[in-house]
Each structure stands twice: as structure tokens, then as C-alpha cells.
Protein backbone atom coordinates (compact mmCIF):
# COMPACT_ATOMS: atom_id res chain seq x y z
CA MET A 1 -15.35 6.57 11.04
CA GLN A 2 -12.37 4.17 12.54
CA ASP A 3 -12.20 3.27 16.45
CA LYS A 4 -9.04 4.86 17.58
CA GLU A 5 -7.12 1.65 18.37
CA GLU A 6 -7.36 0.79 15.00
CA MET A 7 -5.95 4.55 14.03
CA THR A 8 -3.40 4.18 16.36
CA SER A 9 -2.38 1.11 15.06
CA LEU A 10 -2.20 2.54 11.57
CA VAL A 11 -0.65 5.49 12.76
CA THR A 12 2.13 3.33 14.50
CA VAL A 13 2.77 1.33 11.43
CA GLU A 14 2.85 4.38 9.02
CA LYS A 15 5.41 6.21 11.55
CA LYS A 16 7.31 2.66 11.33
CA LEU A 17 7.50 2.35 8.09
CA VAL A 18 8.82 6.12 7.46
CA ALA A 19 11.31 5.76 9.79
CA GLU A 20 12.92 2.62 7.32
CA GLY A 21 12.57 5.00 4.56
CA TYR A 22 9.10 4.48 3.06
CA THR A 23 8.48 8.06 2.68
CA HIS A 24 6.61 8.31 -0.94
CA ASP A 25 2.93 7.74 -1.08
CA PHE A 26 1.94 5.60 -4.03
CA THR A 27 -0.78 5.91 -5.93
CA VAL A 28 -1.95 3.88 -9.43
CA LYS A 29 -2.74 5.67 -12.76
CA ASP A 30 -3.36 4.17 -15.91
CA GLY A 31 -2.34 0.92 -14.73
CA ARG A 32 1.28 2.04 -13.61
CA LEU A 33 2.14 2.77 -9.96
CA ALA A 34 2.72 6.68 -9.52
CA THR A 35 4.03 9.01 -6.65
CA MET A 36 1.46 11.03 -5.00
CA ASP A 37 4.46 13.66 -4.38
CA ASN A 38 4.97 16.87 -6.52
CA ASP A 39 8.76 16.29 -6.66
CA SER A 40 8.74 13.51 -9.01
CA ALA A 41 6.73 12.24 -12.24
CA ALA A 42 7.93 8.98 -12.27
CA THR A 43 5.50 5.86 -13.03
CA PHE A 44 6.18 2.25 -12.30
CA SER A 45 4.92 -1.10 -14.14
CA PRO A 46 4.12 -4.19 -12.04
CA GLU A 47 7.38 -5.45 -13.30
CA GLU A 48 8.89 -2.58 -11.71
CA THR A 49 7.35 -2.92 -8.24
CA THR A 50 8.05 -5.29 -5.22
CA ILE A 51 5.50 -5.49 -2.60
CA VAL A 52 7.88 -5.88 0.54
CA ASP A 53 5.45 -6.07 3.23
CA TYR A 54 1.71 -5.40 3.97
CA PHE A 55 -0.65 -4.66 7.35
CA ARG A 56 -4.27 -5.39 7.58
CA PHE A 57 -6.58 -3.49 9.36
CA GLU A 58 -9.92 -4.57 10.48
CA GLY A 59 -12.71 -2.30 11.76
CA GLU A 60 -13.83 -3.70 15.15
CA SER A 61 -17.58 -2.79 14.91
CA ASP A 62 -18.30 -2.63 10.62
CA PRO A 63 -16.16 -5.35 8.57
CA ASP A 64 -16.36 -2.35 5.66
CA ASP A 65 -13.83 -0.56 7.70
CA ALA A 66 -11.12 -3.39 6.93
CA SER A 67 -8.21 -1.53 4.82
CA ILE A 68 -4.42 -3.06 3.96
CA LEU A 69 -1.59 -0.98 3.68
CA TYR A 70 1.19 -2.15 1.19
CA ALA A 71 5.10 -1.17 1.76
CA ILE A 72 6.71 -0.96 -1.67
CA GLU A 73 10.24 -0.79 -3.20
CA THR A 74 10.65 0.30 -6.83
CA THR A 75 13.43 -0.76 -9.28
CA ASP A 76 15.25 2.78 -8.92
CA GLY A 77 15.01 2.72 -5.08
CA ALA A 78 11.75 4.31 -4.58
CA LYS A 79 10.52 3.26 -1.16
CA GLY A 80 6.46 4.49 -0.32
CA THR A 81 2.96 2.97 0.68
CA ILE A 82 -0.13 2.54 -0.59
CA SER A 83 -3.45 1.71 0.70
CA THR A 84 -7.05 0.10 -0.17
CA ALA A 85 -10.37 -0.55 1.50
CA TYR A 86 -11.65 -4.36 1.25
CA GLY A 87 -14.97 -5.09 -0.42
CA VAL A 88 -17.14 -2.40 -1.97
CA TYR A 89 -15.08 0.41 -1.05
CA ALA A 90 -11.84 -0.97 -2.53
CA ASP A 91 -9.77 0.86 -5.27
CA GLN A 92 -10.18 -1.49 -8.18
CA ASP A 93 -6.97 0.15 -9.97
CA ILE A 94 -4.94 -0.59 -7.06
CA ASP A 95 -6.36 -3.89 -6.50
CA GLN A 96 -5.84 -4.97 -10.07
CA PHE A 97 -1.93 -3.56 -10.05
CA ILE A 98 -1.09 -5.38 -6.58
CA LEU A 99 -2.59 -8.65 -8.25
CA LYS A 100 -0.35 -8.16 -11.37
CA VAL A 101 2.13 -7.54 -9.05
CA GLU A 102 1.66 -10.69 -6.81
CA SER A 103 0.94 -12.71 -9.97
CA LEU A 104 4.43 -12.15 -11.28
CA GLY A 105 5.69 -13.66 -7.92
CA LYS A 106 7.06 -9.55 -6.91
CA ASN A 107 6.30 -9.84 -3.36
CA LEU A 108 8.26 -10.71 -0.17
CA MET A 109 5.18 -10.22 1.84
CA LYS A 110 5.37 -11.38 5.47
CA GLY A 111 2.27 -9.83 6.52
CA LYS A 112 0.99 -8.60 9.55
CA LYS A 113 -1.95 -7.57 11.44
């Protein structure tokens, strides 16, 4: 379980991103970025995806609690977020997709904590 300070930080970041228009919740299915929203069946390749920013959250008492939240934009203008854990709890599909996007130079990442 995350400590209150970390959860507040994550909630604060998510609220800020939603206010900036990052309203979609993304996931990765079959190697493509997909919205988890019911109103859209669109999927995106790494070439159609840009990482705009990312935010790291580290567990105070347990390094296994570390996670990262990415702010993402797609070529059709969809804006949203996707998150994954570090280490053994990481989602390998998400990690592989993010690595492909980064290898294409499709990241404008500033990196914040």
C-alpha cells in the first residue's frame, strides 16, 4: 500500500494532467497503445505516439512500490496517461511499448518527481 504523501502526489499530478486535457486512460494491447475508454476503439503504434512528460513516484518504505506515470499524445490528438511499476511488478507490454517510442525519439520528456 502506498503512503499518503505518495498517493497525494500521484493524485495531484493526475488532476493537473486532466486539467491540461490528458483525459484518456491508455493501456497496451497486442503491442499497440489503446484507450481504456469505452467510447473509442482506436489503437496507436509507437510511431503514432509521443511521450510528452513523465512522473516518477518512489515508495518510501519499499522500493518495490516505485511507479512511473507517462503523459502521452497520439497523432490524432488523443491525450492521456499510462502508468507502470518498476522491477518485478512492471507491466512488460507497457515497458516494451514505451521503449519503442523512446527509441524512435518520440519523447519530449522533461521528467519530474
